[in-house]
N, C-alpha and C. Protein backbone atom coordinates (compact mmCIF):
# COMPACT_ATOMS: atom_id res chain seq x y z
N UNK A 1 0.84 -1.18 0.00
CA UNK A 1 0.00 0.00 0.00
C UNK A 1 0.89 1.25 0.00
N UNK A 2 0.50 2.24 -0.76
CA UNK A 2 1.23 3.51 -0.84
C UNK A 2 0.38 4.58 -0.19
N UNK A 3 0.99 5.39 0.66
CA UNK A 3 0.28 6.47 1.32
C UNK A 3 1.01 7.78 1.09
N UNK A 4 0.26 8.87 1.21
CA UNK A 4 0.86 10.19 1.15
C UNK A 4 -0.06 11.16 1.87
N UNK A 5 0.51 12.24 2.38
CA UNK A 5 -0.31 13.28 2.97
C UNK A 5 -1.01 14.02 1.85
N UNK A 6 -2.29 14.24 1.99
CA UNK A 6 -3.06 14.92 0.95
C UNK A 6 -3.33 16.37 1.31
N UNK A 7 -3.68 16.63 2.57
CA UNK A 7 -4.01 17.98 3.02
C UNK A 7 -3.50 18.18 4.43
N UNK A 8 -3.14 19.41 4.74
CA UNK A 8 -2.83 19.83 6.10
C UNK A 8 -3.83 20.92 6.45
N UNK A 9 -4.58 20.71 7.51
CA UNK A 9 -5.61 21.66 7.91
C UNK A 9 -4.97 22.86 8.60
N UNK A 10 -5.32 24.04 8.15
CA UNK A 10 -4.83 25.29 8.72
C UNK A 10 -6.04 26.10 9.17
N UNK A 11 -6.15 26.33 10.47
CA UNK A 11 -7.29 27.06 11.01
C UNK A 11 -7.12 28.54 10.67
N UNK A 12 -8.18 29.11 10.07
CA UNK A 12 -8.15 30.51 9.62
C UNK A 12 -9.36 31.26 10.18
N UNK A 13 -9.27 32.58 10.15
CA UNK A 13 -10.33 33.44 10.65
C UNK A 13 -11.48 33.57 9.65
N UNK A 14 -11.12 33.63 8.36
CA UNK A 14 -12.12 33.89 7.32
C UNK A 14 -11.64 33.24 6.02
N UNK A 15 -12.52 32.56 5.33
CA UNK A 15 -12.14 31.88 4.08
C UNK A 15 -11.59 32.86 3.04
N UNK A 16 -12.35 33.90 2.73
CA UNK A 16 -11.95 34.79 1.65
C UNK A 16 -10.67 35.55 1.97
N UNK A 17 -10.50 35.97 3.21
CA UNK A 17 -9.28 36.63 3.66
C UNK A 17 -8.08 35.69 3.47
N UNK A 18 -8.24 34.43 3.87
CA UNK A 18 -7.16 33.46 3.75
C UNK A 18 -6.85 33.14 2.28
N UNK A 19 -7.90 32.96 1.47
CA UNK A 19 -7.68 32.70 0.05
C UNK A 19 -6.90 33.85 -0.58
N UNK A 20 -7.29 35.08 -0.29
CA UNK A 20 -6.59 36.24 -0.85
C UNK A 20 -5.12 36.25 -0.45
N UNK A 21 -4.84 35.99 0.81
CA UNK A 21 -3.44 36.01 1.26
C UNK A 21 -2.62 34.91 0.59
N UNK A 22 -3.11 33.69 0.65
CA UNK A 22 -2.31 32.59 0.12
C UNK A 22 -2.18 32.62 -1.40
N UNK A 23 -3.16 33.16 -2.11
CA UNK A 23 -3.05 33.22 -3.57
C UNK A 23 -2.37 34.51 -4.04
N UNK A 24 -2.72 35.64 -3.47
CA UNK A 24 -2.18 36.91 -3.95
C UNK A 24 -0.83 37.26 -3.36
N UNK A 25 -0.59 36.92 -2.11
CA UNK A 25 0.68 37.27 -1.47
C UNK A 25 1.71 36.15 -1.63
N UNK A 26 1.32 34.92 -1.29
CA UNK A 26 2.28 33.82 -1.41
C UNK A 26 2.31 33.19 -2.79
N UNK A 27 1.34 33.54 -3.65
CA UNK A 27 1.35 33.05 -5.03
C UNK A 27 0.88 31.61 -5.19
N UNK A 28 0.15 31.09 -4.21
CA UNK A 28 -0.39 29.74 -4.31
C UNK A 28 -1.57 29.75 -5.29
N UNK A 29 -2.02 28.57 -5.66
CA UNK A 29 -3.20 28.47 -6.50
C UNK A 29 -4.36 27.91 -5.68
N UNK A 30 -5.53 28.41 -5.97
CA UNK A 30 -6.75 27.90 -5.36
C UNK A 30 -7.15 26.68 -6.16
N UNK A 31 -7.15 25.50 -5.54
CA UNK A 31 -7.48 24.29 -6.28
C UNK A 31 -8.88 23.77 -5.98
N UNK A 32 -9.48 24.27 -4.90
CA UNK A 32 -10.86 23.87 -4.62
C UNK A 32 -11.50 24.84 -3.64
N UNK A 33 -12.75 25.17 -3.91
CA UNK A 33 -13.56 25.98 -3.01
C UNK A 33 -15.00 25.50 -3.15
N UNK A 34 -15.38 24.55 -2.31
CA UNK A 34 -16.69 23.92 -2.38
C UNK A 34 -17.51 24.28 -1.15
N UNK A 35 -18.70 24.80 -1.36
CA UNK A 35 -19.59 25.13 -0.26
C UNK A 35 -20.20 23.84 0.28
N UNK A 36 -20.04 23.60 1.59
CA UNK A 36 -20.58 22.41 2.23
C UNK A 36 -21.84 22.71 3.03
N UNK A 37 -21.93 23.93 3.53
CA UNK A 37 -23.09 24.40 4.28
C UNK A 37 -23.01 25.92 4.31
N UNK A 38 -24.01 26.59 4.85
CA UNK A 38 -23.92 28.05 4.92
C UNK A 38 -22.70 28.55 5.71
N UNK A 39 -22.17 27.74 6.62
CA UNK A 39 -21.04 28.16 7.45
C UNK A 39 -19.71 27.52 7.05
N UNK A 40 -19.75 26.47 6.26
CA UNK A 40 -18.54 25.68 6.02
C UNK A 40 -18.26 25.48 4.54
N UNK A 41 -16.96 25.65 4.19
CA UNK A 41 -16.49 25.40 2.83
C UNK A 41 -15.28 24.46 2.89
N UNK A 42 -15.04 23.78 1.81
CA UNK A 42 -13.86 22.93 1.64
C UNK A 42 -12.95 23.70 0.70
N UNK A 43 -11.92 24.35 1.29
CA UNK A 43 -11.05 25.26 0.54
C UNK A 43 -9.62 24.74 0.61
N UNK A 44 -9.04 24.49 -0.59
CA UNK A 44 -7.67 24.00 -0.65
C UNK A 44 -6.82 24.88 -1.55
N UNK A 45 -5.60 25.15 -1.09
CA UNK A 45 -4.61 25.90 -1.86
C UNK A 45 -3.29 25.15 -1.80
N UNK A 46 -2.45 25.38 -2.82
CA UNK A 46 -1.11 24.79 -2.81
C UNK A 46 -0.21 25.62 -3.71
N UNK A 47 1.10 25.46 -3.56
CA UNK A 47 2.02 26.21 -4.42
C UNK A 47 1.74 25.91 -5.89
N UNK A 48 1.88 26.93 -6.72
CA UNK A 48 1.68 26.74 -8.17
C UNK A 48 2.71 25.78 -8.73
N UNK A 49 2.29 25.04 -9.73
CA UNK A 49 3.20 24.13 -10.41
C UNK A 49 3.36 22.78 -9.75
N UNK A 50 2.64 22.55 -8.66
CA UNK A 50 2.72 21.27 -7.96
C UNK A 50 1.48 20.46 -8.29
N UNK A 51 1.68 19.31 -8.87
CA UNK A 51 0.55 18.43 -9.16
C UNK A 51 0.55 17.29 -8.15
N UNK A 52 -0.61 17.00 -7.62
CA UNK A 52 -0.78 15.88 -6.70
C UNK A 52 0.01 16.02 -5.41
N UNK A 53 0.46 17.23 -5.09
CA UNK A 53 1.18 17.43 -3.84
C UNK A 53 0.23 17.77 -2.71
N UNK A 54 0.76 17.77 -1.54
CA UNK A 54 -0.01 18.11 -0.35
C UNK A 54 -0.52 19.55 -0.46
N UNK A 55 -1.75 19.75 -0.04
CA UNK A 55 -2.37 21.08 -0.10
C UNK A 55 -2.69 21.55 1.32
N UNK A 56 -2.88 22.85 1.46
CA UNK A 56 -3.40 23.40 2.70
C UNK A 56 -4.91 23.40 2.61
N UNK A 57 -5.55 22.85 3.61
CA UNK A 57 -7.00 22.91 3.74
C UNK A 57 -7.29 24.07 4.67
N UNK A 58 -7.83 25.15 4.12
CA UNK A 58 -8.14 26.34 4.92
C UNK A 58 -9.44 26.10 5.65
N UNK A 59 -9.36 25.95 6.97
CA UNK A 59 -10.50 25.57 7.80
C UNK A 59 -10.89 26.73 8.70
N UNK A 60 -12.06 27.31 8.43
CA UNK A 60 -12.52 28.45 9.22
C UNK A 60 -12.84 28.00 10.64
N UNK A 61 -12.30 28.73 11.61
CA UNK A 61 -12.55 28.44 13.02
C UNK A 61 -14.05 28.48 13.28
N UNK A 62 -14.54 27.46 14.01
CA UNK A 62 -15.98 27.33 14.24
C UNK A 62 -16.39 27.54 15.69
N UNK A 63 -15.41 27.69 16.60
CA UNK A 63 -15.75 27.91 18.01
C UNK A 63 -14.60 28.65 18.69
N UNK A 64 -14.77 28.95 19.96
CA UNK A 64 -13.76 29.73 20.69
C UNK A 64 -12.41 29.02 20.76
N UNK A 65 -12.42 27.71 20.99
CA UNK A 65 -11.17 26.97 21.08
C UNK A 65 -10.41 27.01 19.75
N UNK A 66 -11.13 26.87 18.64
CA UNK A 66 -10.48 26.95 17.33
C UNK A 66 -10.00 28.36 17.04
N UNK A 67 -10.77 29.36 17.42
CA UNK A 67 -10.32 30.75 17.24
C UNK A 67 -9.02 31.00 18.00
N UNK A 68 -8.92 30.44 19.20
CA UNK A 68 -7.71 30.62 20.00
C UNK A 68 -6.49 29.96 19.37
N UNK A 69 -6.71 28.97 18.50
CA UNK A 69 -5.60 28.26 17.87
C UNK A 69 -5.11 28.93 16.58
N UNK A 70 -5.84 29.92 16.09
CA UNK A 70 -5.42 30.58 14.85
C UNK A 70 -4.03 31.19 15.05
N UNK A 71 -3.11 30.79 14.18
CA UNK A 71 -1.74 31.29 14.23
C UNK A 71 -0.88 30.63 15.29
N UNK A 72 -1.44 29.70 16.04
CA UNK A 72 -0.71 29.07 17.14
C UNK A 72 -0.84 27.55 17.12
N UNK A 73 -1.07 26.99 15.99
CA UNK A 73 -1.32 25.55 15.90
C UNK A 73 -0.14 24.71 16.36
N UNK A 74 1.05 25.26 16.35
CA UNK A 74 2.23 24.50 16.77
C UNK A 74 2.92 25.17 17.96
N UNK A 75 2.18 25.97 18.71
CA UNK A 75 2.74 26.55 19.92
C UNK A 75 3.87 27.52 19.70
N UNK A 76 3.92 28.16 18.54
CA UNK A 76 4.97 29.14 18.25
C UNK A 76 6.17 28.60 17.50
N UNK A 77 6.19 27.33 17.23
CA UNK A 77 7.29 26.75 16.44
C UNK A 77 7.00 26.93 14.95
N UNK A 78 8.04 26.79 14.13
CA UNK A 78 7.82 26.79 12.68
C UNK A 78 6.84 25.66 12.37
N UNK A 79 5.84 26.00 11.58
CA UNK A 79 4.74 25.06 11.30
C UNK A 79 4.89 24.40 9.93
N UNK A 80 5.19 25.19 8.92
CA UNK A 80 5.19 24.69 7.55
C UNK A 80 6.53 24.99 6.89
N UNK A 81 6.94 24.12 5.97
CA UNK A 81 8.25 24.21 5.33
C UNK A 81 8.03 24.26 3.82
N UNK A 82 8.31 25.41 3.24
CA UNK A 82 8.07 25.64 1.82
C UNK A 82 9.41 25.59 1.08
N UNK A 83 9.60 24.56 0.27
CA UNK A 83 10.84 24.41 -0.49
C UNK A 83 10.71 25.14 -1.83
N UNK A 84 11.83 25.71 -2.27
CA UNK A 84 11.89 26.43 -3.53
C UNK A 84 13.17 26.06 -4.27
N UNK A 85 13.14 26.19 -5.58
CA UNK A 85 14.35 25.93 -6.37
C UNK A 85 15.22 27.18 -6.46
N UNK A 86 14.71 28.35 -6.04
CA UNK A 86 15.47 29.60 -6.10
C UNK A 86 15.11 30.46 -4.90
N UNK A 87 15.87 30.32 -3.83
CA UNK A 87 15.58 31.04 -2.59
C UNK A 87 15.60 32.55 -2.80
N UNK A 88 16.67 33.06 -3.41
CA UNK A 88 16.81 34.51 -3.55
C UNK A 88 15.67 35.13 -4.35
N UNK A 89 15.23 34.47 -5.41
CA UNK A 89 14.10 34.95 -6.20
C UNK A 89 12.84 35.04 -5.35
N UNK A 90 12.52 33.95 -4.65
CA UNK A 90 11.28 33.93 -3.87
C UNK A 90 11.36 34.82 -2.64
N UNK A 91 12.51 34.91 -2.02
CA UNK A 91 12.69 35.80 -0.88
C UNK A 91 12.42 37.25 -1.30
N UNK A 92 13.05 37.67 -2.40
CA UNK A 92 12.86 39.04 -2.90
C UNK A 92 11.39 39.28 -3.28
N UNK A 93 10.77 38.30 -3.93
CA UNK A 93 9.37 38.43 -4.33
C UNK A 93 8.48 38.57 -3.10
N UNK A 94 8.70 37.75 -2.09
CA UNK A 94 7.88 37.82 -0.88
C UNK A 94 8.08 39.15 -0.15
N UNK A 95 9.31 39.61 -0.06
CA UNK A 95 9.57 40.91 0.57
C UNK A 95 8.79 42.00 -0.17
N UNK A 96 8.80 41.96 -1.50
CA UNK A 96 8.11 42.99 -2.30
C UNK A 96 6.60 42.92 -2.11
N UNK A 97 6.08 41.76 -1.70
CA UNK A 97 4.64 41.60 -1.48
C UNK A 97 4.24 41.85 -0.02
N UNK A 98 5.22 42.25 0.80
CA UNK A 98 4.92 42.58 2.19
C UNK A 98 5.02 41.44 3.18
N UNK A 99 5.56 40.30 2.76
CA UNK A 99 5.75 39.19 3.69
C UNK A 99 6.82 39.58 4.70
N UNK A 100 6.57 39.32 5.97
CA UNK A 100 7.49 39.68 7.05
C UNK A 100 8.34 38.48 7.42
N UNK A 101 9.65 38.62 7.22
CA UNK A 101 10.60 37.59 7.63
C UNK A 101 11.07 37.91 9.03
N UNK A 102 10.97 36.95 9.92
CA UNK A 102 11.34 37.16 11.31
C UNK A 102 12.73 36.62 11.61
N UNK A 103 13.33 35.95 10.63
CA UNK A 103 14.64 35.36 10.81
C UNK A 103 15.24 35.06 9.45
N UNK A 104 16.54 35.30 9.33
CA UNK A 104 17.24 34.95 8.09
C UNK A 104 17.20 36.07 7.08
N UNK A 105 17.66 35.82 5.89
CA UNK A 105 18.10 34.52 5.38
C UNK A 105 19.46 34.12 5.95
N UNK A 106 19.64 32.82 6.01
CA UNK A 106 20.89 32.27 6.49
C UNK A 106 21.16 30.94 5.78
N UNK A 107 22.42 30.58 5.77
CA UNK A 107 22.82 29.31 5.17
C UNK A 107 22.95 28.26 6.25
N UNK A 108 22.33 27.12 6.02
CA UNK A 108 22.43 25.96 6.89
C UNK A 108 22.92 24.79 6.06
N UNK A 109 23.28 23.70 6.69
CA UNK A 109 23.78 22.55 5.94
C UNK A 109 22.72 22.00 4.99
N UNK A 110 21.44 22.17 5.33
CA UNK A 110 20.34 21.65 4.50
C UNK A 110 19.86 22.64 3.45
N UNK A 111 20.40 23.87 3.45
CA UNK A 111 20.01 24.84 2.44
C UNK A 111 19.95 26.26 2.97
N UNK A 112 19.52 27.15 2.12
CA UNK A 112 19.34 28.56 2.49
C UNK A 112 17.93 28.70 3.04
N UNK A 113 17.79 29.38 4.18
CA UNK A 113 16.50 29.40 4.86
C UNK A 113 16.19 30.79 5.42
N UNK A 114 14.91 31.12 5.40
CA UNK A 114 14.39 32.32 6.05
C UNK A 114 13.06 31.95 6.67
N UNK A 115 12.79 32.49 7.85
CA UNK A 115 11.54 32.20 8.55
C UNK A 115 10.62 33.39 8.38
N UNK A 116 9.41 33.14 7.88
CA UNK A 116 8.45 34.22 7.74
C UNK A 116 7.17 33.90 8.49
N UNK A 117 6.44 34.96 8.76
CA UNK A 117 5.17 34.86 9.47
C UNK A 117 4.05 35.11 8.46
N UNK A 118 3.04 34.24 8.47
CA UNK A 118 1.94 34.42 7.53
C UNK A 118 0.90 35.39 8.11
N UNK A 119 -0.19 35.52 7.42
CA UNK A 119 -1.29 36.41 7.78
C UNK A 119 -1.73 36.26 9.23
N UNK A 120 -1.68 35.04 9.75
CA UNK A 120 -2.20 34.77 11.09
C UNK A 120 -1.11 34.63 12.15
N UNK A 121 0.15 34.71 11.74
CA UNK A 121 1.24 34.56 12.69
C UNK A 121 1.89 33.19 12.69
N UNK A 122 1.39 32.27 11.86
CA UNK A 122 2.05 30.96 11.73
C UNK A 122 3.44 31.18 11.15
N UNK A 123 4.41 30.43 11.65
CA UNK A 123 5.77 30.55 11.15
C UNK A 123 6.04 29.49 10.09
N UNK A 124 6.69 29.94 9.03
CA UNK A 124 7.05 29.10 7.89
C UNK A 124 8.55 29.19 7.66
N UNK A 125 9.16 28.12 7.21
CA UNK A 125 10.52 28.15 6.68
C UNK A 125 10.40 28.21 5.16
N UNK A 126 11.06 29.18 4.54
CA UNK A 126 11.28 29.17 3.10
C UNK A 126 12.67 28.59 2.93
N UNK A 127 12.78 27.46 2.22
CA UNK A 127 14.05 26.75 2.12
C UNK A 127 14.42 26.54 0.66
N UNK A 128 15.64 26.95 0.32
CA UNK A 128 16.15 26.74 -1.02
C UNK A 128 17.44 25.94 -0.98
N UNK A 129 17.98 25.65 -2.14
CA UNK A 129 19.23 24.89 -2.20
C UNK A 129 20.34 25.63 -1.45
N UNK A 130 21.28 24.87 -0.94
CA UNK A 130 22.42 25.46 -0.24
C UNK A 130 23.15 26.42 -1.16
N UNK A 131 23.61 27.52 -0.61
CA UNK A 131 24.34 28.53 -1.37
C UNK A 131 25.66 27.95 -1.85
N UNK A 132 26.01 28.28 -3.09
CA UNK A 132 27.28 27.82 -3.65
C UNK A 132 28.46 28.44 -2.90
N UNK A 133 28.22 29.59 -2.22
CA UNK A 133 29.27 30.27 -1.48
C UNK A 133 29.49 29.70 -0.09
N UNK A 134 28.62 28.82 0.34
CA UNK A 134 28.71 28.23 1.68
C UNK A 134 29.95 27.36 1.76
N UNK A 135 30.77 27.60 2.79
CA UNK A 135 32.00 26.82 2.97
C UNK A 135 31.66 25.58 3.79
N UNK A 136 32.28 24.44 3.45
CA UNK A 136 32.03 23.23 4.23
C UNK A 136 32.50 23.41 5.67
N UNK A 137 31.84 22.70 6.58
CA UNK A 137 32.22 22.76 8.00
C UNK A 137 33.47 21.98 8.26
C-alpha cells in the first residue's frame, strides 16, 4: 500500500481573507472551493506548479477553542516548510509583497532558509538549495 499526505488543515479566521493572502501574497493556486453548508467550505490551496502534492485545507474556526488556535497551531514553532528551487528569487518576491521575515536569510547545511510569518502569525521556513558560497564545516 502507498500512502501520502493529501491535506494539512490550517485554522483561519475567514475563508476569503485566507484565500486572498495565500493566492495573492504567497502566489499559491486555489485548487478547490466547495460550499458544504452556509457556514462551512472545503477550501484547498497549494504552491503553483505542484501536481498531486499536499495542499493546505483552509478551515474556518468554528468555536472559541479553534479561534484561540489561529496562528498558534504549533505553539509558536515553525509550522510549515516551503521548499523552492530559487531562494533569492522567492525571498525578494515575498519581501516585495509585504511578507514579514522574522529570521534569516541564512545558510544551513540543508540549504538557504528564512523564517516568515503568515497572515495569522504561523511561522514558515522558506528553504532553497544550499548557497554555492557556503563553505564546508
